[in-house]
Amino acid sequence: MKRQQYIVSALGVILLLGLYFFGRTVPPHEKKASPGDEQANGSPRKSLDFQDILQAAKSRLNPVQLSHVNRLENSVVRGDVKNQQINAYRELAVYWKDSIGDAFLPFAYYTGEAAKLENSEKSLTFAAQLFLESLRGQDNPVLKTWMATSAKELFEKALELDPHNDSVKIGLGASYIFGSTAGNPQEVMQGIQQVLEVARRDSTNMYAQFMLGLGGMESGQFDKAIERLTTVVRHEPANFEAIILLAGALEQKGDKAEAIKWYETGRKLIRNPDMIREIDQRIQSLK
């Protein structure tokens, strides 16, 4: 299984476990206000600009860090402006990621801006995946919309360079699926249709099948999710996330015996004691 083909990370799996194990049974925690949540008059904002995010991130910097960021932002001078700007964006991305840390959004944004100027399929897809991988764990609707829009733009630019790249098409569809908000559920279906186009043409594309399974979970179509995820785990029996998702879908359908079977299958594939403990608790709750 290639890394770029599956949006799977330790964080994603933990968030996944939290959502399907406890999302229906515990009250939501109070969320801290994020940039763009409210306007000055207190009413909800409709959109978010990167400058809002950047100013909030800069407010946490010490004077030395802030000076370095400002210098990089203003480092482009006369001459080969395009390449200078690409290098400046890359340096900003690396600095926010490695030297400051806990600054994913500036890192992803500047990576994306450099990719747009470079205009290569590889760099655009990499930047798009950064946003897509974080969408599934994002519950702030304003920030989610901004991240999804960023991912879509990058995937679309990559598709312009290679209109036949199925992985990019699926990534674009997934951006709609995970970027949708409660007020716009039709975006989930728009994303599913995008991925279906690939799956109908190539039923062996497990990336497409996996995303359709996730789309079924997002839209509450658990029968379809079970069908797709069963296909994935049949072809890829070590795909832990697909197995846990399948168990969750079966649980939602009320098939406790099958859900337990797949939770136990997934449990054998991991060594993380916290995740094992959560799976064990879930299995006990179903007995």
C-alpha atoms as a PDB file:
ATOM      1  CA  MET A   1       0.000   0.000   0.000  1.00  0.00           C
ATOM      2  CA  LYS A   2       1.606   3.264  -1.109  1.00  0.00           C
ATOM      3  CA  ARG A   3       1.527   6.092   1.398  1.00  0.00           C
ATOM      4  CA  GLN A   4       0.236   8.632  -1.110  1.00  0.00           C
ATOM      5  CA  GLN A   5      -2.682   6.371  -1.938  1.00  0.00           C
ATOM      6  CA  TYR A   6      -4.176   6.211   1.543  1.00  0.00           C
ATOM      7  CA  ILE A   7      -4.898   9.063   3.865  1.00  0.00           C
ATOM      8  CA  VAL A   8      -3.806   7.089   6.863  1.00  0.00           C
ATOM      9  CA  SER A   9      -1.748   8.383   9.738  1.00  0.00           C
ATOM     10  CA  ALA A  10      -1.490   7.687  13.440  1.00  0.00           C
ATOM     11  CA  LEU A  11      -3.428  10.865  14.129  1.00  0.00           C
ATOM     12  CA  GLY A  12      -6.082   9.916  11.632  1.00  0.00           C
ATOM     13  CA  VAL A  13      -6.542   6.499  13.171  1.00  0.00           C
ATOM     14  CA  ILE A  14      -6.812   7.917  16.685  1.00  0.00           C
ATOM     15  CA  LEU A  15      -9.364  10.475  15.525  1.00  0.00           C
ATOM     16  CA  LEU A  16     -11.182   7.708  13.720  1.00  0.00           C
ATOM     17  CA  LEU A  17     -11.342   5.573  16.829  1.00  0.00           C
ATOM     18  CA  GLY A  18     -12.579   8.508  18.858  1.00  0.00           C
ATOM     19  CA  LEU A  19     -15.303   9.313  16.345  1.00  0.00           C
ATOM     20  CA  TYR A  20     -16.711   5.832  15.873  1.00  0.00           C
ATOM     21  CA  PHE A  21     -16.103   4.550  19.390  1.00  0.00           C
ATOM     22  CA  PHE A  22     -17.273   7.540  21.392  1.00  0.00           C
ATOM     23  CA  GLY A  23     -18.758  10.099  18.996  1.00  0.00           C
ATOM     24  CA  ARG A  24     -22.356   9.072  19.725  1.00  0.00           C
ATOM     25  CA  THR A  25     -22.026   8.512  23.463  1.00  0.00           C
ATOM     26  CA  VAL A  26     -20.157  11.422  25.030  1.00  0.00           C
ATOM     27  CA  PRO A  27     -20.994  15.119  24.963  1.00  0.00           C
ATOM     28  CA  PRO A  28     -18.763  17.282  22.767  1.00  0.00           C
ATOM     29  CA  HIS A  29     -16.040  19.251  24.476  1.00  0.00           C
ATOM     30  CA  GLU A  30     -16.299  22.995  24.362  1.00  0.00           C
ATOM     31  CA  LYS A  31     -14.227  24.243  21.452  1.00  0.00           C
ATOM     32  CA  LYS A  32     -11.828  27.106  21.767  1.00  0.00           C
ATOM     33  CA  ALA A  33     -12.444  30.046  19.484  1.00  0.00           C
ATOM     34  CA  SER A  34     -10.409  29.933  16.296  1.00  0.00           C
ATOM     35  CA  PRO A  35      -9.499  32.718  13.894  1.00  0.00           C
ATOM     36  CA  GLY A  36     -12.521  33.500  11.772  1.00  0.00           C
ATOM     37  CA  ASP A  37     -15.129  32.034  14.131  1.00  0.00           C
ATOM     38  CA  GLU A  38     -16.783  35.344  14.800  1.00  0.00           C
ATOM     39  CA  GLN A  39     -16.890  38.832  13.414  1.00  0.00           C
ATOM     40  CA  ALA A  40     -16.394  41.860  15.600  1.00  0.00           C
ATOM     41  CA  ASN A  41     -20.152  42.118  16.146  1.00  0.00           C
ATOM     42  CA  GLY A  42     -20.288  38.528  17.418  1.00  0.00           C
ATOM     43  CA  SER A  43     -22.076  36.980  14.453  1.00  0.00           C
ATOM     44  CA  PRO A  44     -20.619  33.900  12.692  1.00  0.00           C
ATOM     45  CA  ARG A  45     -18.217  34.533   9.851  1.00  0.00           C
ATOM     46  CA  LYS A  46     -18.898  33.048   6.462  1.00  0.00           C
ATOM     47  CA  SER A  47     -15.312  32.702   5.289  1.00  0.00           C
ATOM     48  CA  LEU A  48     -11.753  32.753   6.484  1.00  0.00           C
ATOM     49  CA  ASP A  49      -8.724  34.452   4.979  1.00  0.00           C
ATOM     50  CA  PHE A  50      -5.180  33.195   5.446  1.00  0.00           C
ATOM     51  CA  GLN A  51      -4.168  36.580   6.869  1.00  0.00           C
ATOM     52  CA  ASP A  52      -6.480  35.862   9.829  1.00  0.00           C
ATOM     53  CA  ILE A  53      -4.668  32.590  10.425  1.00  0.00           C
ATOM     54  CA  LEU A  54      -1.249  34.150   9.908  1.00  0.00           C
ATOM     55  CA  GLN A  55      -1.839  37.001  12.342  1.00  0.00           C
ATOM     56  CA  ALA A  56      -3.078  34.574  14.996  1.00  0.00           C
ATOM     57  CA  ALA A  57      -0.003  32.384  14.452  1.00  0.00           C
ATOM     58  CA  LYS A  58       2.364  35.374  14.556  1.00  0.00           C
ATOM     59  CA  SER A  59       0.897  36.529  17.849  1.00  0.00           C
ATOM     60  CA  ARG A  60       2.457  33.453  19.486  1.00  0.00           C
ATOM     61  CA  LEU A  61       5.978  34.120  18.192  1.00  0.00           C
ATOM     62  CA  ASN A  62       8.790  35.578  20.216  1.00  0.00           C
ATOM     63  CA  PRO A  63      10.583  38.672  18.823  1.00  0.00           C
ATOM     64  CA  VAL A  64      13.395  36.675  17.208  1.00  0.00           C
ATOM     65  CA  GLN A  65      10.996  34.297  15.460  1.00  0.00           C
ATOM     66  CA  LEU A  66       8.748  37.143  14.321  1.00  0.00           C
ATOM     67  CA  SER A  67      11.713  39.048  12.906  1.00  0.00           C
ATOM     68  CA  HIS A  68      12.853  36.009  10.943  1.00  0.00           C
ATOM     69  CA  VAL A  69       9.364  35.368   9.529  1.00  0.00           C
ATOM     70  CA  ASN A  70       8.984  39.020   8.510  1.00  0.00           C
ATOM     71  CA  ARG A  71      12.392  38.933   6.814  1.00  0.00           C
ATOM     72  CA  LEU A  72      11.437  35.855   4.798  1.00  0.00           C
ATOM     73  CA  GLU A  73       8.110  37.416   3.824  1.00  0.00           C
ATOM     74  CA  ASN A  74       9.937  40.445   2.420  1.00  0.00           C
ATOM     75  CA  SER A  75      12.925  38.661   0.907  1.00  0.00           C
ATOM     76  CA  VAL A  76      11.778  38.838  -2.711  1.00  0.00           C
ATOM     77  CA  VAL A  77      13.508  41.619  -4.618  1.00  0.00           C
ATOM     78  CA  ARG A  78      14.131  42.477  -8.267  1.00  0.00           C
ATOM     79  CA  GLY A  79      15.454  39.874 -10.689  1.00  0.00           C
ATOM     80  CA  ASP A  80      14.141  36.336 -10.954  1.00  0.00           C
ATOM     81  CA  VAL A  81      11.088  37.107  -8.873  1.00  0.00           C
ATOM     82  CA  LYS A  82       9.282  33.806  -9.509  1.00  0.00           C
ATOM     83  CA  ASN A  83      12.089  31.561  -8.310  1.00  0.00           C
ATOM     84  CA  GLN A  84      12.833  33.894  -5.421  1.00  0.00           C
ATOM     85  CA  GLN A  85       9.195  33.690  -4.368  1.00  0.00           C
ATOM     86  CA  ILE A  86       9.173  29.890  -4.621  1.00  0.00           C
ATOM     87  CA  ASN A  87      12.264  29.715  -2.422  1.00  0.00           C
ATOM     88  CA  ALA A  88      10.794  32.213   0.050  1.00  0.00           C
ATOM     89  CA  TYR A  89       7.573  30.198   0.345  1.00  0.00           C
ATOM     90  CA  ARG A  90       9.548  27.006   0.856  1.00  0.00           C
ATOM     91  CA  GLU A  91      11.726  28.589   3.533  1.00  0.00           C
ATOM     92  CA  LEU A  92       8.644  29.941   5.291  1.00  0.00           C
ATOM     93  CA  ALA A  93       6.988  26.512   5.183  1.00  0.00           C
ATOM     94  CA  VAL A  94      10.052  24.801   6.632  1.00  0.00           C
ATOM     95  CA  TYR A  95      10.524  27.454   9.305  1.00  0.00           C
ATOM     96  CA  TRP A  96       6.921  27.250  10.503  1.00  0.00           C
ATOM     97  CA  LYS A  97       7.080  23.450  10.544  1.00  0.00           C
ATOM     98  CA  ASP A  98      10.551  22.745  11.960  1.00  0.00           C
ATOM     99  CA  SER A  99      11.653  25.821  13.892  1.00  0.00           C
ATOM    100  CA  ILE A 100       8.335  26.941  15.345  1.00  0.00           C
ATOM    101  CA  GLY A 101       6.317  23.724  15.385  1.00  0.00           C
ATOM    102  CA  ASP A 102       2.596  23.359  16.093  1.00  0.00           C
ATOM    103  CA  ALA A 103       1.953  25.615  13.092  1.00  0.00           C
ATOM    104  CA  PHE A 104       0.478  23.282  10.511  1.00  0.00           C
ATOM    105  CA  LEU A 105      -1.685  25.829   8.712  1.00  0.00           C
ATOM    106  CA  PRO A 106       1.121  28.268   7.787  1.00  0.00           C
ATOM    107  CA  PHE A 107       3.288  25.289   6.804  1.00  0.00           C
ATOM    108  CA  ALA A 108       0.573  23.845   4.544  1.00  0.00           C
ATOM    109  CA  TYR A 109      -0.343  27.238   3.088  1.00  0.00           C
ATOM    110  CA  TYR A 110       3.206  28.185   2.088  1.00  0.00           C
ATOM    111  CA  THR A 111       3.833  24.675   0.748  1.00  0.00           C
ATOM    112  CA  GLY A 112       0.753  25.126  -1.413  1.00  0.00           C
ATOM    113  CA  GLU A 113       1.763  28.582  -2.610  1.00  0.00           C
ATOM    114  CA  ALA A 114       5.198  27.310  -3.634  1.00  0.00           C
ATOM    115  CA  ALA A 115       3.552  24.391  -5.458  1.00  0.00           C
ATOM    116  CA  LYS A 116       1.266  26.719  -7.411  1.00  0.00           C
ATOM    117  CA  LEU A 117       4.236  28.727  -8.658  1.00  0.00           C
ATOM    118  CA  GLU A 118       6.303  25.639  -9.396  1.00  0.00           C
ATOM    119  CA  ASN A 119       3.254  24.133 -11.135  1.00  0.00           C
ATOM    120  CA  SER A 120       4.364  20.498 -11.071  1.00  0.00           C
ATOM    121  CA  GLU A 121       1.914  17.668 -10.558  1.00  0.00           C
ATOM    122  CA  LYS A 122       4.046  16.158  -7.803  1.00  0.00           C
ATOM    123  CA  SER A 123       4.328  19.316  -5.720  1.00  0.00           C
ATOM    124  CA  LEU A 124       0.671  20.274  -6.191  1.00  0.00           C
ATOM    125  CA  THR A 125      -0.524  16.818  -5.169  1.00  0.00           C
ATOM    126  CA  PHE A 126       1.765  16.752  -2.126  1.00  0.00           C
ATOM    127  CA  ALA A 127       0.468  20.131  -0.953  1.00  0.00           C
ATOM    128  CA  ALA A 128      -3.155  19.118  -1.586  1.00  0.00           C
ATOM    129  CA  GLN A 129      -2.701  15.943   0.456  1.00  0.00           C
ATOM    130  CA  LEU A 130      -1.424  17.995   3.405  1.00  0.00           C
ATOM    131  CA  PHE A 131      -4.772  19.762   3.611  1.00  0.00           C
ATOM    132  CA  LEU A 132      -6.778  16.619   2.863  1.00  0.00           C
ATOM    133  CA  GLU A 133      -5.075  14.553   5.570  1.00  0.00           C
ATOM    134  CA  SER A 134      -6.074  17.134   8.183  1.00  0.00           C
ATOM    135  CA  LEU A 135      -9.655  17.634   7.029  1.00  0.00           C
ATOM    136  CA  ARG A 136     -10.964  14.483   8.698  1.00  0.00           C
ATOM    137  CA  GLY A 137      -9.977  15.698  12.154  1.00  0.00           C
ATOM    138  CA  GLN A 138     -11.224  19.252  11.749  1.00  0.00           C
ATOM    139  CA  ASP A 139     -14.515  20.168  13.443  1.00  0.00           C
ATOM    140  CA  ASN A 140     -14.375  23.957  13.088  1.00  0.00           C
ATOM    141  CA  PRO A 141     -16.689  24.512  10.084  1.00  0.00           C
ATOM    142  CA  VAL A 142     -15.103  27.806   9.002  1.00  0.00           C
ATOM    143  CA  LEU A 143     -11.591  26.392   9.135  1.00  0.00           C
ATOM    144  CA  LYS A 144     -12.765  23.161   7.519  1.00  0.00           C
ATOM    145  CA  THR A 145     -14.187  25.116   4.583  1.00  0.00           C
ATOM    146  CA  TRP A 146     -10.946  27.038   4.130  1.00  0.00           C
ATOM    147  CA  MET A 147      -8.835  23.883   4.224  1.00  0.00           C
ATOM    148  CA  ALA A 148     -11.155  22.033   1.837  1.00  0.00           C
ATOM    149  CA  THR A 149     -11.104  24.952  -0.603  1.00  0.00           C
ATOM    150  CA  SER A 150      -7.298  24.963  -0.491  1.00  0.00           C
ATOM    151  CA  ALA A 151      -7.150  21.207  -1.140  1.00  0.00           C
ATOM    152  CA  LYS A 152      -9.626  21.422  -4.031  1.00  0.00           C
ATOM    153  CA  GLU A 153      -7.721  24.247  -5.711  1.00  0.00           C
ATOM    154  CA  LEU A 154      -4.450  22.330  -5.557  1.00  0.00           C
ATOM    155  CA  PHE A 155      -5.970  19.049  -6.767  1.00  0.00           C
ATOM    156  CA  GLU A 156      -7.692  20.880  -9.633  1.00  0.00           C
ATOM    157  CA  LYS A 157      -4.406  22.442 -10.728  1.00  0.00           C
ATOM    158  CA  ALA A 158      -2.766  19.003 -10.609  1.00  0.00           C
ATOM    159  CA  LEU A 159      -5.591  17.596 -12.747  1.00  0.00           C
ATOM    160  CA  GLU A 160      -5.014  20.307 -15.338  1.00  0.00           C
ATOM    161  CA  LEU A 161      -1.504  18.928 -15.743  1.00  0.00           C
ATOM    162  CA  ASP A 162      -2.611  15.278 -15.811  1.00  0.00           C
ATOM    163  CA  PRO A 163      -6.370  14.884 -16.457  1.00  0.00           C
ATOM    164  CA  HIS A 164      -6.074  11.082 -16.340  1.00  0.00           C
ATOM    165  CA  ASN A 165      -4.541  10.753 -12.880  1.00  0.00           C
ATOM    166  CA  ASP A 166      -7.083   8.713 -10.916  1.00  0.00           C
ATOM    167  CA  SER A 167      -5.415   9.296  -7.552  1.00  0.00           C
ATOM    168  CA  VAL A 168      -5.733  13.049  -8.006  1.00  0.00           C
ATOM    169  CA  LYS A 169      -9.382  12.687  -9.049  1.00  0.00           C
ATOM    170  CA  ILE A 170     -10.081  10.656  -5.922  1.00  0.00           C
ATOM    171  CA  GLY A 171      -8.261  13.207  -3.784  1.00  0.00           C
ATOM    172  CA  LEU A 172     -10.433  15.949  -5.227  1.00  0.00           C
ATOM    173  CA  GLY A 173     -13.568  13.941  -4.494  1.00  0.00           C
ATOM    174  CA  ALA A 174     -12.370  13.258  -0.958  1.00  0.00           C
ATOM    175  CA  SER A 175     -11.876  16.996  -0.442  1.00  0.00           C
ATOM    176  CA  TYR A 176     -15.590  17.457  -1.085  1.00  0.00           C
ATOM    177  CA  ILE A 177     -16.518  14.531   1.164  1.00  0.00           C
ATOM    178  CA  PHE A 178     -14.479  15.635   4.169  1.00  0.00           C
ATOM    179  CA  GLY A 179     -14.809  19.358   3.521  1.00  0.00           C
ATOM    180  CA  SER A 180     -18.587  19.337   3.658  1.00  0.00           C
ATOM    181  CA  THR A 181     -20.419  20.927   6.556  1.00  0.00           C
ATOM    182  CA  ALA A 182     -23.702  20.059   8.191  1.00  0.00           C
ATOM    183  CA  GLY A 183     -25.360  22.839   6.218  1.00  0.00           C
ATOM    184  CA  ASN A 184     -24.181  21.536   2.853  1.00  0.00           C
ATOM    185  CA  PRO A 185     -24.478  17.725   2.772  1.00  0.00           C
ATOM    186  CA  GLN A 186     -24.784  17.697  -1.014  1.00  0.00           C
ATOM    187  CA  GLU A 187     -21.030  18.231  -1.144  1.00  0.00           C
ATOM    188  CA  VAL A 188     -20.591  14.717   0.243  1.00  0.00           C
ATOM    189  CA  MET A 189     -22.571  13.331  -2.671  1.00  0.00           C
ATOM    190  CA  GLN A 190     -20.625  15.509  -5.113  1.00  0.00           C
ATOM    191  CA  GLY A 191     -17.405  14.028  -3.787  1.00  0.00           C
ATOM    192  CA  ILE A 192     -18.752  10.492  -3.871  1.00  0.00           C
ATOM    193  CA  GLN A 193     -19.760  10.917  -7.509  1.00  0.00           C
ATOM    194  CA  GLN A 194     -16.242  12.099  -8.322  1.00  0.00           C
ATOM    195  CA  VAL A 195     -14.752   8.977  -6.748  1.00  0.00           C
ATOM    196  CA  LEU A 196     -17.423   6.718  -8.263  1.00  0.00           C
ATOM    197  CA  GLU A 197     -16.309   7.777 -11.731  1.00  0.00           C
ATOM    198  CA  VAL A 198     -12.951   6.147 -11.030  1.00  0.00           C
ATOM    199  CA  ALA A 199     -14.366   3.085  -9.251  1.00  0.00           C
ATOM    200  CA  ARG A 200     -16.785   2.289 -12.077  1.00  0.00           C
ATOM    201  CA  ARG A 201     -13.962   2.384 -14.588  1.00  0.00           C
ATOM    202  CA  ASP A 202     -11.502   0.474 -12.385  1.00  0.00           C
ATOM    203  CA  SER A 203     -13.101  -1.707  -9.724  1.00  0.00           C
ATOM    204  CA  THR A 204      -9.647  -2.830  -8.562  1.00  0.00           C
ATOM    205  CA  ASN A 205      -8.692   0.672  -7.436  1.00  0.00           C
ATOM    206  CA  MET A 206      -8.687   0.165  -3.674  1.00  0.00           C
ATOM    207  CA  TYR A 207      -8.037   3.843  -3.003  1.00  0.00           C
ATOM    208  CA  ALA A 208     -11.381   4.605  -4.672  1.00  0.00           C
ATOM    209  CA  GLN A 209     -13.142   1.782  -2.829  1.00  0.00           C
ATOM    210  CA  PHE A 210     -11.711   2.996   0.468  1.00  0.00           C
ATOM    211  CA  MET A 211     -12.846   6.570  -0.126  1.00  0.00           C
ATOM    212  CA  LEU A 212     -16.309   5.393  -1.119  1.00  0.00           C
ATOM    213  CA  GLY A 213     -16.467   3.455   2.127  1.00  0.00           C
ATOM    214  CA  LEU A 214     -15.523   6.582   4.028  1.00  0.00           C
ATOM    215  CA  GLY A 215     -18.081   8.545   2.030  1.00  0.00           C
ATOM    216  CA  GLY A 216     -20.729   6.043   3.045  1.00  0.00           C
ATOM    217  CA  MET A 217     -19.781   6.517   6.689  1.00  0.00           C
ATOM    218  CA  GLU A 218     -19.892  10.306   6.336  1.00  0.00           C
ATOM    219  CA  SER A 219     -23.329  10.234   4.691  1.00  0.00           C
ATOM    220  CA  GLY A 220     -24.779   7.566   6.988  1.00  0.00           C
ATOM    221  CA  GLN A 221     -25.145   5.015   4.163  1.00  0.00           C
ATOM    222  CA  PHE A 222     -23.753   2.152   6.197  1.00  0.00           C
ATOM    223  CA  ASP A 223     -24.826  -0.632   3.827  1.00  0.00           C
ATOM    224  CA  LYS A 224     -22.780   0.952   1.046  1.00  0.00           C
ATOM    225  CA  ALA A 225     -19.898   1.607   3.418  1.00  0.00           C
ATOM    226  CA  ILE A 226     -19.858  -2.063   4.470  1.00  0.00           C
ATOM    227  CA  GLU A 227     -19.875  -3.209   0.840  1.00  0.00           C
ATOM    228  CA  ARG A 228     -16.944  -0.984  -0.136  1.00  0.00           C
ATOM    229  CA  LEU A 229     -14.880  -1.584   2.991  1.00  0.00           C
ATOM    230  CA  THR A 230     -15.377  -5.332   2.753  1.00  0.00           C
ATOM    231  CA  THR A 231     -13.883  -5.149  -0.723  1.00  0.00           C
ATOM    232  CA  VAL A 232     -10.874  -3.254   0.610  1.00  0.00           C
ATOM    233  CA  VAL A 233     -10.127  -5.615   3.495  1.00  0.00           C
ATOM    234  CA  ARG A 234     -10.552  -8.623   1.229  1.00  0.00           C
ATOM    235  CA  HIS A 235      -7.836  -7.284  -1.061  1.00  0.00           C
ATOM    236  CA  GLU A 236      -5.753  -5.716   1.706  1.00  0.00           C
ATOM    237  CA  PRO A 237      -6.170  -7.751   4.908  1.00  0.00           C
ATOM    238  CA  ALA A 238      -3.596  -5.619   6.769  1.00  0.00           C
ATOM    239  CA  ASN A 239      -5.371  -2.309   6.112  1.00  0.00           C
ATOM    240  CA  PHE A 240      -6.064  -1.444   9.749  1.00  0.00           C
ATOM    241  CA  GLU A 241      -8.089   1.685   9.140  1.00  0.00           C
ATOM    242  CA  ALA A 242     -10.385  -0.033   6.649  1.00  0.00           C
ATOM    243  CA  ILE A 243     -10.912  -2.853   9.158  1.00  0.00           C
ATOM    244  CA  ILE A 244     -11.805  -0.476  11.993  1.00  0.00           C
ATOM    245  CA  LEU A 245     -14.119   1.494   9.721  1.00  0.00           C
ATOM    246  CA  LEU A 246     -15.810  -1.745   8.659  1.00  0.00           C
ATOM    247  CA  ALA A 247     -16.296  -2.712  12.292  1.00  0.00           C
ATOM    248  CA  GLY A 248     -17.788   0.721  12.984  1.00  0.00           C
ATOM    249  CA  ALA A 249     -20.173   0.457  10.041  1.00  0.00           C
ATOM    250  CA  LEU A 250     -21.316  -2.992  11.157  1.00  0.00           C
ATOM    251  CA  GLU A 251     -21.840  -1.666  14.662  1.00  0.00           C
ATOM    252  CA  GLN A 252     -23.965   1.194  13.333  1.00  0.00           C
ATOM    253  CA  LYS A 253     -26.059  -1.367  11.464  1.00  0.00           C
ATOM    254  CA  GLY A 254     -26.567  -3.327  14.700  1.00  0.00           C
ATOM    255  CA  ASP A 255     -24.574  -6.382  13.657  1.00  0.00           C
ATOM    256  CA  LYS A 256     -22.672  -6.748  16.913  1.00  0.00           C
ATOM    257  CA  ALA A 257     -21.194 -10.178  16.222  1.00  0.00           C
ATOM    258  CA  GLU A 258     -19.605  -9.110  12.938  1.00  0.00           C
ATOM    259  CA  ALA A 259     -18.479  -5.803  14.436  1.00  0.00           C
ATOM    260  CA  ILE A 260     -16.703  -7.661  17.258  1.00  0.00           C
ATOM    261  CA  LYS A 261     -15.065  -9.997  14.753  1.00  0.00           C
ATOM    262  CA  TRP A 262     -13.556  -7.103  12.812  1.00  0.00           C
ATOM    263  CA  TYR A 263     -12.571  -5.147  15.910  1.00  0.00           C
ATOM    264  CA  GLU A 264     -10.683  -8.255  17.059  1.00  0.00           C
ATOM    265  CA  THR A 265      -9.091  -8.590  13.609  1.00  0.00           C
ATOM    266  CA  GLY A 266      -7.927  -4.996  13.740  1.00  0.00           C
ATOM    267  CA  ARG A 267      -6.640  -5.399  17.286  1.00  0.00           C
ATOM    268  CA  LYS A 268      -4.171  -8.054  16.130  1.00  0.00           C
ATOM    269  CA  LEU A 269      -2.553  -5.609  13.725  1.00  0.00           C
ATOM    270  CA  ILE A 270      -1.470  -2.959  16.224  1.00  0.00           C
ATOM    271  CA  ARG A 271       0.892  -2.622  19.156  1.00  0.00           C
ATOM    272  CA  ASN A 272      -0.186   0.754  20.515  1.00  0.00           C
ATOM    273  CA  PRO A 273      -1.454   0.052  24.070  1.00  0.00           C
ATOM    274  CA  ASP A 274      -3.852   3.025  24.124  1.00  0.00           C
ATOM    275  CA  MET A 275      -5.514   1.986  20.890  1.00  0.00           C
ATOM    276  CA  ILE A 276      -5.662  -1.644  22.021  1.00  0.00           C
ATOM    277  CA  ARG A 277      -7.332  -0.497  25.230  1.00  0.00           C
ATOM    278  CA  GLU A 278      -9.943   1.501  23.295  1.00  0.00           C
ATOM    279  CA  ILE A 279     -10.694  -1.429  21.016  1.00  0.00           C
ATOM    280  CA  ASP A 280     -10.989  -3.791  23.991  1.00  0.00           C
ATOM    281  CA  GLN A 281     -13.428  -1.400  25.661  1.00  0.00           C
ATOM    282  CA  ARG A 282     -15.477  -1.218  22.510  1.00  0.00           C
ATOM    283  CA  ILE A 283     -15.585  -4.983  22.154  1.00  0.00           C
ATOM    284  CA  GLN A 284     -16.733  -5.350  25.764  1.00  0.00           C
ATOM    285  CA  SER A 285     -19.483  -2.794  25.262  1.00  0.00           C
ATOM    286  CA  LEU A 286     -20.861  -4.854  22.367  1.00  0.00           C
ATOM    287  CA  LYS A 287     -20.968  -8.169  24.232  1.00  0.00           C
END
